[in-house]
Amino acid sequence: PSNAKELDAFVKQVSDPRSPNYGKYL
């Protein structure tokens, strides 16, 4: 995948119930 490090960071945020980005799936 392109931007592999960015993908890892996005998955961490979107999957963490305490993150403001939780549930904002692609």
mmCIF file of all heavy atoms, coordinates in Angstrom:
data_MODEL
# 
_entry.id   MODEL 
# 
loop_
_atom_site.group_PDB 
_atom_site.id 
_atom_site.type_symbol 
_atom_site.label_atom_id 
_atom_site.label_alt_id 
_atom_site.label_comp_id 
_atom_site.label_asym_id 
_atom_site.label_entity_id 
_atom_site.label_seq_id 
_atom_site.pdbx_PDB_ins_code 
_atom_site.Cartn_x 
_atom_site.Cartn_y 
_atom_site.Cartn_z 
_atom_site.occupancy 
_atom_site.B_iso_or_equiv 
_atom_site.pdbx_formal_charge 
_atom_site.auth_seq_id 
_atom_site.auth_comp_id 
_atom_site.auth_asym_id 
_atom_site.auth_atom_id 
_atom_site.pdbx_PDB_model_num 
ATOM 1   N N   . PRO A 1 1  ? 0.822   -1.219 0.000  1.00 0.00 ? 1  PRO A N   1 
ATOM 2   C CA  . PRO A 1 1  ? 0.000   0.000  0.000  1.00 0.00 ? 1  PRO A CA  1 
ATOM 3   C C   . PRO A 1 1  ? 0.851   1.262  0.000  1.00 0.00 ? 1  PRO A C   1 
ATOM 4   O O   . PRO A 1 1  ? 1.967   1.282  0.510  1.00 0.00 ? 1  PRO A O   1 
ATOM 5   C CB  . PRO A 1 1  ? -0.806  -0.130 1.298  1.00 0.00 ? 1  PRO A CB  1 
ATOM 6   C CG  . PRO A 1 1  ? 0.036   -0.991 2.173  1.00 0.00 ? 1  PRO A CG  1 
ATOM 7   C CD  . PRO A 1 1  ? 0.710   -1.969 1.257  1.00 0.00 ? 1  PRO A CD  1 
ATOM 8   N N   . SER A 1 2  ? 0.312   2.303  -0.574 1.00 0.00 ? 2  SER A N   1 
ATOM 9   C CA  . SER A 1 2  ? 0.946   3.611  -0.479 1.00 0.00 ? 2  SER A CA  1 
ATOM 10  C C   . SER A 1 2  ? 0.805   4.138  0.949  1.00 0.00 ? 2  SER A C   1 
ATOM 11  O O   . SER A 1 2  ? -0.135  3.786  1.656  1.00 0.00 ? 2  SER A O   1 
ATOM 12  C CB  . SER A 1 2  ? 0.276   4.586  -1.455 1.00 0.00 ? 2  SER A CB  1 
ATOM 13  O OG  . SER A 1 2  ? 0.338   4.107  -2.782 1.00 0.00 ? 2  SER A OG  1 
ATOM 14  N N   . ASN A 1 3  ? 1.746   4.967  1.365  1.00 0.00 ? 3  ASN A N   1 
ATOM 15  C CA  . ASN A 1 3  ? 1.652   5.643  2.663  1.00 0.00 ? 3  ASN A CA  1 
ATOM 16  C C   . ASN A 1 3  ? 1.420   4.665  3.805  1.00 0.00 ? 3  ASN A C   1 
ATOM 17  O O   . ASN A 1 3  ? 0.501   4.819  4.617  1.00 0.00 ? 3  ASN A O   1 
ATOM 18  C CB  . ASN A 1 3  ? 0.520   6.681  2.636  1.00 0.00 ? 3  ASN A CB  1 
ATOM 19  C CG  . ASN A 1 3  ? 0.631   7.637  1.466  1.00 0.00 ? 3  ASN A CG  1 
ATOM 20  O OD1 . ASN A 1 3  ? 1.705   8.162  1.208  1.00 0.00 ? 3  ASN A OD1 1 
ATOM 21  N ND2 . ASN A 1 3  ? -0.467  7.843  0.754  1.00 0.00 ? 3  ASN A ND2 1 
ATOM 22  N N   . ALA A 1 4  ? 2.270   3.626  3.864  1.00 0.00 ? 4  ALA A N   1 
ATOM 23  C CA  . ALA A 1 4  ? 2.064   2.542  4.831  1.00 0.00 ? 4  ALA A CA  1 
ATOM 24  C C   . ALA A 1 4  ? 2.081   3.032  6.281  1.00 0.00 ? 4  ALA A C   1 
ATOM 25  O O   . ALA A 1 4  ? 1.270   2.601  7.104  1.00 0.00 ? 4  ALA A O   1 
ATOM 26  C CB  . ALA A 1 4  ? 3.123   1.460  4.632  1.00 0.00 ? 4  ALA A CB  1 
ATOM 27  N N   . LYS A 1 5  ? 2.993   3.948  6.624  1.00 0.00 ? 5  LYS A N   1 
ATOM 28  C CA  . LYS A 1 5  ? 3.056   4.438  7.999  1.00 0.00 ? 5  LYS A CA  1 
ATOM 29  C C   . LYS A 1 5  ? 1.807   5.237  8.349  1.00 0.00 ? 5  LYS A C   1 
ATOM 30  O O   . LYS A 1 5  ? 1.287   5.154  9.460  1.00 0.00 ? 5  LYS A O   1 
ATOM 31  C CB  . LYS A 1 5  ? 4.312   5.279  8.192  1.00 0.00 ? 5  LYS A CB  1 
ATOM 32  C CG  . LYS A 1 5  ? 5.609   4.476  8.184  1.00 0.00 ? 5  LYS A CG  1 
ATOM 33  C CD  . LYS A 1 5  ? 6.809   5.360  8.491  1.00 0.00 ? 5  LYS A CD  1 
ATOM 34  C CE  . LYS A 1 5  ? 8.099   4.535  8.520  1.00 0.00 ? 5  LYS A CE  1 
ATOM 35  N NZ  . LYS A 1 5  ? 9.286   5.386  8.803  1.00 0.00 ? 5  LYS A NZ  1 
ATOM 36  N N   . GLU A 1 6  ? 1.324   6.003  7.398  1.00 0.00 ? 6  GLU A N   1 
ATOM 37  C CA  . GLU A 1 6  ? 0.100   6.766  7.626  1.00 0.00 ? 6  GLU A CA  1 
ATOM 38  C C   . GLU A 1 6  ? -1.079  5.832  7.843  1.00 0.00 ? 6  GLU A C   1 
ATOM 39  O O   . GLU A 1 6  ? -1.952  6.095  8.680  1.00 0.00 ? 6  GLU A O   1 
ATOM 40  C CB  . GLU A 1 6  ? -0.171  7.679  6.432  1.00 0.00 ? 6  GLU A CB  1 
ATOM 41  C CG  . GLU A 1 6  ? -1.442  8.502  6.555  1.00 0.00 ? 6  GLU A CG  1 
ATOM 42  C CD  . GLU A 1 6  ? -1.782  9.260  5.287  1.00 0.00 ? 6  GLU A CD  1 
ATOM 43  O OE1 . GLU A 1 6  ? -0.862  9.890  4.728  1.00 0.00 ? 6  GLU A OE1 1 
ATOM 44  O OE2 . GLU A 1 6  ? -2.959  9.217  4.862  1.00 0.00 ? 6  GLU A OE2 1 
ATOM 45  N N   . LEU A 1 7  ? -1.106  4.716  7.098  1.00 0.00 ? 7  LEU A N   1 
ATOM 46  C CA  . LEU A 1 7  ? -2.179  3.739  7.267  1.00 0.00 ? 7  LEU A CA  1 
ATOM 47  C C   . LEU A 1 7  ? -2.165  3.167  8.677  1.00 0.00 ? 7  LEU A C   1 
ATOM 48  O O   . LEU A 1 7  ? -3.215  3.043  9.318  1.00 0.00 ? 7  LEU A O   1 
ATOM 49  C CB  . LEU A 1 7  ? -2.031  2.627  6.231  1.00 0.00 ? 7  LEU A CB  1 
ATOM 50  C CG  . LEU A 1 7  ? -2.976  1.428  6.378  1.00 0.00 ? 7  LEU A CG  1 
ATOM 51  C CD1 . LEU A 1 7  ? -4.436  1.864  6.329  1.00 0.00 ? 7  LEU A CD1 1 
ATOM 52  C CD2 . LEU A 1 7  ? -2.681  0.391  5.285  1.00 0.00 ? 7  LEU A CD2 1 
ATOM 53  N N   . ASP A 1 8  ? -0.982  2.802  9.185  1.00 0.00 ? 8  ASP A N   1 
ATOM 54  C CA  . ASP A 1 8  ? -0.891  2.262  10.543 1.00 0.00 ? 8  ASP A CA  1 
ATOM 55  C C   . ASP A 1 8  ? -1.418  3.255  11.570 1.00 0.00 ? 8  ASP A C   1 
ATOM 56  O O   . ASP A 1 8  ? -2.143  2.895  12.503 1.00 0.00 ? 8  ASP A O   1 
ATOM 57  C CB  . ASP A 1 8  ? 0.565   1.915  10.867 1.00 0.00 ? 8  ASP A CB  1 
ATOM 58  C CG  . ASP A 1 8  ? 1.060   0.702  10.100 1.00 0.00 ? 8  ASP A CG  1 
ATOM 59  O OD1 . ASP A 1 8  ? 0.216   -0.066 9.591  1.00 0.00 ? 8  ASP A OD1 1 
ATOM 60  O OD2 . ASP A 1 8  ? 2.284   0.517  10.007 1.00 0.00 ? 8  ASP A OD2 1 
ATOM 61  N N   . ALA A 1 9  ? -1.063  4.521  11.400 1.00 0.00 ? 9  ALA A N   1 
ATOM 62  C CA  . ALA A 1 9  ? -1.510  5.552  12.340 1.00 0.00 ? 9  ALA A CA  1 
ATOM 63  C C   . ALA A 1 9  ? -3.018  5.752  12.252 1.00 0.00 ? 9  ALA A C   1 
ATOM 64  O O   . ALA A 1 9  ? -3.690  5.923  13.282 1.00 0.00 ? 9  ALA A O   1 
ATOM 65  C CB  . ALA A 1 9  ? -0.786  6.864  12.053 1.00 0.00 ? 9  ALA A CB  1 
ATOM 66  N N   . PHE A 1 10 ? -3.555  5.697  11.038 1.00 0.00 ? 10 PHE A N   1 
ATOM 67  C CA  . PHE A 1 10 ? -4.995  5.880  10.868 1.00 0.00 ? 10 PHE A CA  1 
ATOM 68  C C   . PHE A 1 10 ? -5.765  4.744  11.535 1.00 0.00 ? 10 PHE A C   1 
ATOM 69  O O   . PHE A 1 10 ? -6.760  4.984  12.237 1.00 0.00 ? 10 PHE A O   1 
ATOM 70  C CB  . PHE A 1 10 ? -5.348  5.952  9.383  1.00 0.00 ? 10 PHE A CB  1 
ATOM 71  C CG  . PHE A 1 10 ? -6.822  6.093  9.125  1.00 0.00 ? 10 PHE A CG  1 
ATOM 72  C CD1 . PHE A 1 10 ? -7.447  7.329  9.220  1.00 0.00 ? 10 PHE A CD1 1 
ATOM 73  C CD2 . PHE A 1 10 ? -7.592  4.977  8.817  1.00 0.00 ? 10 PHE A CD2 1 
ATOM 74  C CE1 . PHE A 1 10 ? -8.815  7.454  9.011  1.00 0.00 ? 10 PHE A CE1 1 
ATOM 75  C CE2 . PHE A 1 10 ? -8.959  5.093  8.602  1.00 0.00 ? 10 PHE A CE2 1 
ATOM 76  C CZ  . PHE A 1 10 ? -9.567  6.334  8.703  1.00 0.00 ? 10 PHE A CZ  1 
ATOM 77  N N   . VAL A 1 11 ? -5.319  3.511  11.324 1.00 0.00 ? 11 VAL A N   1 
ATOM 78  C CA  . VAL A 1 11 ? -5.999  2.357  11.924 1.00 0.00 ? 11 VAL A CA  1 
ATOM 79  C C   . VAL A 1 11 ? -5.993  2.473  13.444 1.00 0.00 ? 11 VAL A C   1 
ATOM 80  O O   . VAL A 1 11 ? -7.009  2.192  14.111 1.00 0.00 ? 11 VAL A O   1 
ATOM 81  C CB  . VAL A 1 11 ? -5.329  1.043  11.472 1.00 0.00 ? 11 VAL A CB  1 
ATOM 82  C CG1 . VAL A 1 11 ? -5.836  -0.132 12.304 1.00 0.00 ? 11 VAL A CG1 1 
ATOM 83  C CG2 . VAL A 1 11 ? -5.595  0.793  9.999  1.00 0.00 ? 11 VAL A CG2 1 
ATOM 84  N N   . LYS A 1 12 ? -4.890  2.911  14.020 1.00 0.00 ? 12 LYS A N   1 
ATOM 85  C CA  . LYS A 1 12 ? -4.804  3.049  15.475 1.00 0.00 ? 12 LYS A CA  1 
ATOM 86  C C   . LYS A 1 12 ? -5.827  4.050  15.989 1.00 0.00 ? 12 LYS A C   1 
ATOM 87  O O   . LYS A 1 12 ? -6.506  3.809  16.990 1.00 0.00 ? 12 LYS A O   1 
ATOM 88  C CB  . LYS A 1 12 ? -3.385  3.482  15.858 1.00 0.00 ? 12 LYS A CB  1 
ATOM 89  C CG  . LYS A 1 12 ? -3.163  3.606  17.352 1.00 0.00 ? 12 LYS A CG  1 
ATOM 90  C CD  . LYS A 1 12 ? -1.717  3.967  17.664 1.00 0.00 ? 12 LYS A CD  1 
ATOM 91  C CE  . LYS A 1 12 ? -1.487  4.100  19.164 1.00 0.00 ? 12 LYS A CE  1 
ATOM 92  N NZ  . LYS A 1 12 ? -0.076  4.436  19.471 1.00 0.00 ? 12 LYS A NZ  1 
ATOM 93  N N   . GLN A 1 13 ? -5.970  5.170  15.296 1.00 0.00 ? 13 GLN A N   1 
ATOM 94  C CA  . GLN A 1 13 ? -6.895  6.205  15.748 1.00 0.00 ? 13 GLN A CA  1 
ATOM 95  C C   . GLN A 1 13 ? -8.356  5.802  15.550 1.00 0.00 ? 13 GLN A C   1 
ATOM 96  O O   . GLN A 1 13 ? -9.188  6.001  16.451 1.00 0.00 ? 13 GLN A O   1 
ATOM 97  C CB  . GLN A 1 13 ? -6.620  7.505  14.985 1.00 0.00 ? 13 GLN A CB  1 
ATOM 98  C CG  . GLN A 1 13 ? -5.268  8.126  15.286 1.00 0.00 ? 13 GLN A CG  1 
ATOM 99  C CD  . GLN A 1 13 ? -4.975  9.324  14.403 1.00 0.00 ? 13 GLN A CD  1 
ATOM 100 O OE1 . GLN A 1 13 ? -5.878  9.863  13.779 1.00 0.00 ? 13 GLN A OE1 1 
ATOM 101 N NE2 . GLN A 1 13 ? -3.718  9.728  14.350 1.00 0.00 ? 13 GLN A NE2 1 
ATOM 102 N N   . VAL A 1 14 ? -8.657  5.224  14.400 1.00 0.00 ? 14 VAL A N   1 
ATOM 103 C CA  . VAL A 1 14 ? -10.051 4.939  14.077 1.00 0.00 ? 14 VAL A CA  1 
ATOM 104 C C   . VAL A 1 14 ? -10.605 3.772  14.891 1.00 0.00 ? 14 VAL A C   1 
ATOM 105 O O   . VAL A 1 14 ? -11.825 3.612  15.004 1.00 0.00 ? 14 VAL A O   1 
ATOM 106 C CB  . VAL A 1 14 ? -10.179 4.681  12.554 1.00 0.00 ? 14 VAL A CB  1 
ATOM 107 C CG1 . VAL A 1 14 ? -9.761  3.267  12.192 1.00 0.00 ? 14 VAL A CG1 1 
ATOM 108 C CG2 . VAL A 1 14 ? -11.578 4.978  12.058 1.00 0.00 ? 14 VAL A CG2 1 
ATOM 109 N N   . SER A 1 15 ? -9.689  2.966  15.493 1.00 0.00 ? 15 SER A N   1 
ATOM 110 C CA  . SER A 1 15 ? -10.117 1.788  16.245 1.00 0.00 ? 15 SER A CA  1 
ATOM 111 C C   . SER A 1 15 ? -10.101 1.993  17.758 1.00 0.00 ? 15 SER A C   1 
ATOM 112 O O   . SER A 1 15 ? -10.535 1.118  18.504 1.00 0.00 ? 15 SER A O   1 
ATOM 113 C CB  . SER A 1 15 ? -9.215  0.591  15.899 1.00 0.00 ? 15 SER A CB  1 
ATOM 114 O OG  . SER A 1 15 ? -9.177  0.354  14.504 1.00 0.00 ? 15 SER A OG  1 
ATOM 115 N N   . ASP A 1 16 ? -9.604  3.126  18.215 1.00 0.00 ? 16 ASP A N   1 
ATOM 116 C CA  . ASP A 1 16 ? -9.470  3.401  19.647 1.00 0.00 ? 16 ASP A CA  1 
ATOM 117 C C   . ASP A 1 16 ? -10.701 4.161  20.139 1.00 0.00 ? 16 ASP A C   1 
ATOM 118 O O   . ASP A 1 16 ? -10.931 5.311  19.745 1.00 0.00 ? 16 ASP A O   1 
ATOM 119 C CB  . ASP A 1 16 ? -8.210  4.222  19.897 1.00 0.00 ? 16 ASP A CB  1 
ATOM 120 C CG  . ASP A 1 16 ? -7.960  4.473  21.384 1.00 0.00 ? 16 ASP A CG  1 
ATOM 121 O OD1 . ASP A 1 16 ? -8.833  4.134  22.212 1.00 0.00 ? 16 ASP A OD1 1 
ATOM 122 O OD2 . ASP A 1 16 ? -6.891  5.024  21.707 1.00 0.00 ? 16 ASP A OD2 1 
ATOM 123 N N   . PRO A 1 17 ? -11.506 3.553  21.009 1.00 0.00 ? 17 PRO A N   1 
ATOM 124 C CA  . PRO A 1 17 ? -12.724 4.236  21.497 1.00 0.00 ? 17 PRO A CA  1 
ATOM 125 C C   . PRO A 1 17 ? -12.449 5.577  22.171 1.00 0.00 ? 17 PRO A C   1 
ATOM 126 O O   . PRO A 1 17 ? -13.356 6.407  22.287 1.00 0.00 ? 17 PRO A O   1 
ATOM 127 C CB  . PRO A 1 17 ? -13.322 3.234  22.488 1.00 0.00 ? 17 PRO A CB  1 
ATOM 128 C CG  . PRO A 1 17 ? -12.788 1.913  22.055 1.00 0.00 ? 17 PRO A CG  1 
ATOM 129 C CD  . PRO A 1 17 ? -11.409 2.182  21.535 1.00 0.00 ? 17 PRO A CD  1 
ATOM 130 N N   . ARG A 1 18 ? -11.218 5.805  22.609 1.00 0.00 ? 18 ARG A N   1 
ATOM 131 C CA  . ARG A 1 18 ? -10.890 7.063  23.288 1.00 0.00 ? 18 ARG A CA  1 
ATOM 132 C C   . ARG A 1 18 ? -10.370 8.130  22.317 1.00 0.00 ? 18 ARG A C   1 
ATOM 133 O O   . ARG A 1 18 ? -10.094 9.261  22.727 1.00 0.00 ? 18 ARG A O   1 
ATOM 134 C CB  . ARG A 1 18 ? -9.847  6.798  24.378 1.00 0.00 ? 18 ARG A CB  1 
ATOM 135 C CG  . ARG A 1 18 ? -10.343 5.835  25.446 1.00 0.00 ? 18 ARG A CG  1 
ATOM 136 C CD  . ARG A 1 18 ? -9.259  5.528  26.465 1.00 0.00 ? 18 ARG A CD  1 
ATOM 137 N NE  . ARG A 1 18 ? -9.712  4.513  27.423 1.00 0.00 ? 18 ARG A NE  1 
ATOM 138 C CZ  . ARG A 1 18 ? -8.942  3.980  28.372 1.00 0.00 ? 18 ARG A CZ  1 
ATOM 139 N NH1 . ARG A 1 18 ? -7.685  4.372  28.495 1.00 0.00 ? 18 ARG A NH1 1 
ATOM 140 N NH2 . ARG A 1 18 ? -9.418  3.044  29.181 1.00 0.00 ? 18 ARG A NH2 1 
ATOM 141 N N   . SER A 1 19 ? -10.226 7.768  21.059 1.00 0.00 ? 19 SER A N   1 
ATOM 142 C CA  . SER A 1 19 ? -9.724  8.720  20.068 1.00 0.00 ? 19 SER A CA  1 
ATOM 143 C C   . SER A 1 19 ? -10.873 9.538  19.492 1.00 0.00 ? 19 SER A C   1 
ATOM 144 O O   . SER A 1 19 ? -11.970 9.014  19.266 1.00 0.00 ? 19 SER A O   1 
ATOM 145 C CB  . SER A 1 19 ? -9.016  7.974  18.933 1.00 0.00 ? 19 SER A CB  1 
ATOM 146 O OG  . SER A 1 19 ? -8.794  8.819  17.820 1.00 0.00 ? 19 SER A OG  1 
ATOM 147 N N   . PRO A 1 20 ? -10.647 10.819 19.211 1.00 0.00 ? 20 PRO A N   1 
ATOM 148 C CA  . PRO A 1 20 ? -11.701 11.631 18.571 1.00 0.00 ? 20 PRO A CA  1 
ATOM 149 C C   . PRO A 1 20 ? -12.042 11.149 17.164 1.00 0.00 ? 20 PRO A C   1 
ATOM 150 O O   . PRO A 1 20 ? -13.093 11.510 16.630 1.00 0.00 ? 20 PRO A O   1 
ATOM 151 C CB  . PRO A 1 20 ? -11.099 13.043 18.557 1.00 0.00 ? 20 PRO A CB  1 
ATOM 152 C CG  . PRO A 1 20 ? -9.624  12.835 18.677 1.00 0.00 ? 20 PRO A CG  1 
ATOM 153 C CD  . PRO A 1 20 ? -9.445  11.623 19.528 1.00 0.00 ? 20 PRO A CD  1 
ATOM 154 N N   . ASN A 1 21 ? -11.172 10.334 16.596 1.00 0.00 ? 21 ASN A N   1 
ATOM 155 C CA  . ASN A 1 21 ? -11.421 9.805  15.250 1.00 0.00 ? 21 ASN A CA  1 
ATOM 156 C C   . ASN A 1 21 ? -12.034 8.409  15.269 1.00 0.00 ? 21 ASN A C   1 
ATOM 157 O O   . ASN A 1 21 ? -12.182 7.785  14.222 1.00 0.00 ? 21 ASN A O   1 
ATOM 158 C CB  . ASN A 1 21 ? -10.114 9.775  14.443 1.00 0.00 ? 21 ASN A CB  1 
ATOM 159 C CG  . ASN A 1 21 ? -9.614  11.167 14.121 1.00 0.00 ? 21 ASN A CG  1 
ATOM 160 O OD1 . ASN A 1 21 ? -10.391 12.051 13.793 1.00 0.00 ? 21 ASN A OD1 1 
ATOM 161 N ND2 . ASN A 1 21 ? -8.306  11.370 14.233 1.00 0.00 ? 21 ASN A ND2 1 
ATOM 162 N N   . TYR A 1 22 ? -12.378 7.913  16.474 1.00 0.00 ? 22 TYR A N   1 
ATOM 163 C CA  . TYR A 1 22 ? -12.965 6.564  16.575 1.00 0.00 ? 22 TYR A CA  1 
ATOM 164 C C   . TYR A 1 22 ? -14.232 6.460  15.736 1.00 0.00 ? 22 TYR A C   1 
ATOM 165 O O   . TYR A 1 22 ? -15.122 7.316  15.800 1.00 0.00 ? 22 TYR A O   1 
ATOM 166 C CB  . TYR A 1 22 ? -13.294 6.246  18.022 1.00 0.00 ? 22 TYR A CB  1 
ATOM 167 C CG  . TYR A 1 22 ? -13.974 4.903  18.222 1.00 0.00 ? 22 TYR A CG  1 
ATOM 168 C CD1 . TYR A 1 22 ? -13.329 3.726  17.864 1.00 0.00 ? 22 TYR A CD1 1 
ATOM 169 C CD2 . TYR A 1 22 ? -15.257 4.829  18.760 1.00 0.00 ? 22 TYR A CD2 1 
ATOM 170 C CE1 . TYR A 1 22 ? -13.952 2.496  18.043 1.00 0.00 ? 22 TYR A CE1 1 
ATOM 171 C CE2 . TYR A 1 22 ? -15.884 3.595  18.954 1.00 0.00 ? 22 TYR A CE2 1 
ATOM 172 C CZ  . TYR A 1 22 ? -15.224 2.434  18.585 1.00 0.00 ? 22 TYR A CZ  1 
ATOM 173 O OH  . TYR A 1 22 ? -15.840 1.219  18.754 1.00 0.00 ? 22 TYR A OH  1 
ATOM 174 N N   . GLY A 1 23 ? -14.296 5.409  14.952 1.00 0.00 ? 23 GLY A N   1 
ATOM 175 C CA  . GLY A 1 23 ? -15.493 5.134  14.170 1.00 0.00 ? 23 GLY A CA  1 
ATOM 176 C C   . GLY A 1 23 ? -15.599 5.909  12.871 1.00 0.00 ? 23 GLY A C   1 
ATOM 177 O O   . GLY A 1 23 ? -16.564 5.720  12.126 1.00 0.00 ? 23 GLY A O   1 
ATOM 178 N N   . LYS A 1 24 ? -14.631 6.771  12.577 1.00 0.00 ? 24 LYS A N   1 
ATOM 179 C CA  . LYS A 1 24 ? -14.681 7.538  11.330 1.00 0.00 ? 24 LYS A CA  1 
ATOM 180 C C   . LYS A 1 24 ? -14.000 6.719  10.224 1.00 0.00 ? 24 LYS A C   1 
ATOM 181 O O   . LYS A 1 24 ? -12.946 7.067  9.707  1.00 0.00 ? 24 LYS A O   1 
ATOM 182 C CB  . LYS A 1 24 ? -14.016 8.899  11.514 1.00 0.00 ? 24 LYS A CB  1 
ATOM 183 C CG  . LYS A 1 24 ? -14.750 9.777  12.525 1.00 0.00 ? 24 LYS A CG  1 
ATOM 184 C CD  . LYS A 1 24 ? -14.053 11.123 12.718 1.00 0.00 ? 24 LYS A CD  1 
ATOM 185 C CE  . LYS A 1 24 ? -14.804 11.972 13.743 1.00 0.00 ? 24 LYS A CE  1 
ATOM 186 N NZ  . LYS A 1 24 ? -14.146 13.282 13.978 1.00 0.00 ? 24 LYS A NZ  1 
ATOM 187 N N   . TYR A 1 25 ? -14.652 5.606  9.899  1.00 0.00 ? 25 TYR A N   1 
ATOM 188 C CA  . TYR A 1 25 ? -14.067 4.624  8.998  1.00 0.00 ? 25 TYR A CA  1 
ATOM 189 C C   . TYR A 1 25 ? -14.070 5.100  7.542  1.00 0.00 ? 25 TYR A C   1 
ATOM 190 O O   . TYR A 1 25 ? -14.884 5.934  7.137  1.00 0.00 ? 25 TYR A O   1 
ATOM 191 C CB  . TYR A 1 25 ? -14.846 3.307  9.093  1.00 0.00 ? 25 TYR A CB  1 
ATOM 192 C CG  . TYR A 1 25 ? -14.993 2.770  10.500 1.00 0.00 ? 25 TYR A CG  1 
ATOM 193 C CD1 . TYR A 1 25 ? -16.252 2.496  11.035 1.00 0.00 ? 25 TYR A CD1 1 
ATOM 194 C CD2 . TYR A 1 25 ? -13.878 2.537  11.289 1.00 0.00 ? 25 TYR A CD2 1 
ATOM 195 C CE1 . TYR A 1 25 ? -16.391 1.986  12.322 1.00 0.00 ? 25 TYR A CE1 1 
ATOM 196 C CE2 . TYR A 1 25 ? -14.009 2.032  12.578 1.00 0.00 ? 25 TYR A CE2 1 
ATOM 197 C CZ  . TYR A 1 25 ? -15.264 1.756  13.088 1.00 0.00 ? 25 TYR A CZ  1 
ATOM 198 O OH  . TYR A 1 25 ? -15.402 1.270  14.366 1.00 0.00 ? 25 TYR A OH  1 
ATOM 199 N N   . LEU A 1 26 ? -13.173 4.504  6.772  1.00 0.00 ? 26 LEU A N   1 
ATOM 200 C CA  . LEU A 1 26 ? -13.106 4.783  5.342  1.00 0.00 ? 26 LEU A CA  1 
ATOM 201 C C   . LEU A 1 26 ? -14.030 3.839  4.579  1.00 0.00 ? 26 LEU A C   1 
ATOM 202 O O   . LEU A 1 26 ? -14.274 2.708  5.011  1.00 0.00 ? 26 LEU A O   1 
ATOM 203 C CB  . LEU A 1 26 ? -11.675 4.582  4.826  1.00 0.00 ? 26 LEU A CB  1 
ATOM 204 C CG  . LEU A 1 26 ? -10.574 5.447  5.417  1.00 0.00 ? 26 LEU A CG  1 
ATOM 205 C CD1 . LEU A 1 26 ? -9.235  5.064  4.798  1.00 0.00 ? 26 LEU A CD1 1 
ATOM 206 C CD2 . LEU A 1 26 ? -10.867 6.918  5.207  1.00 0.00 ? 26 LEU A CD2 1 
# 
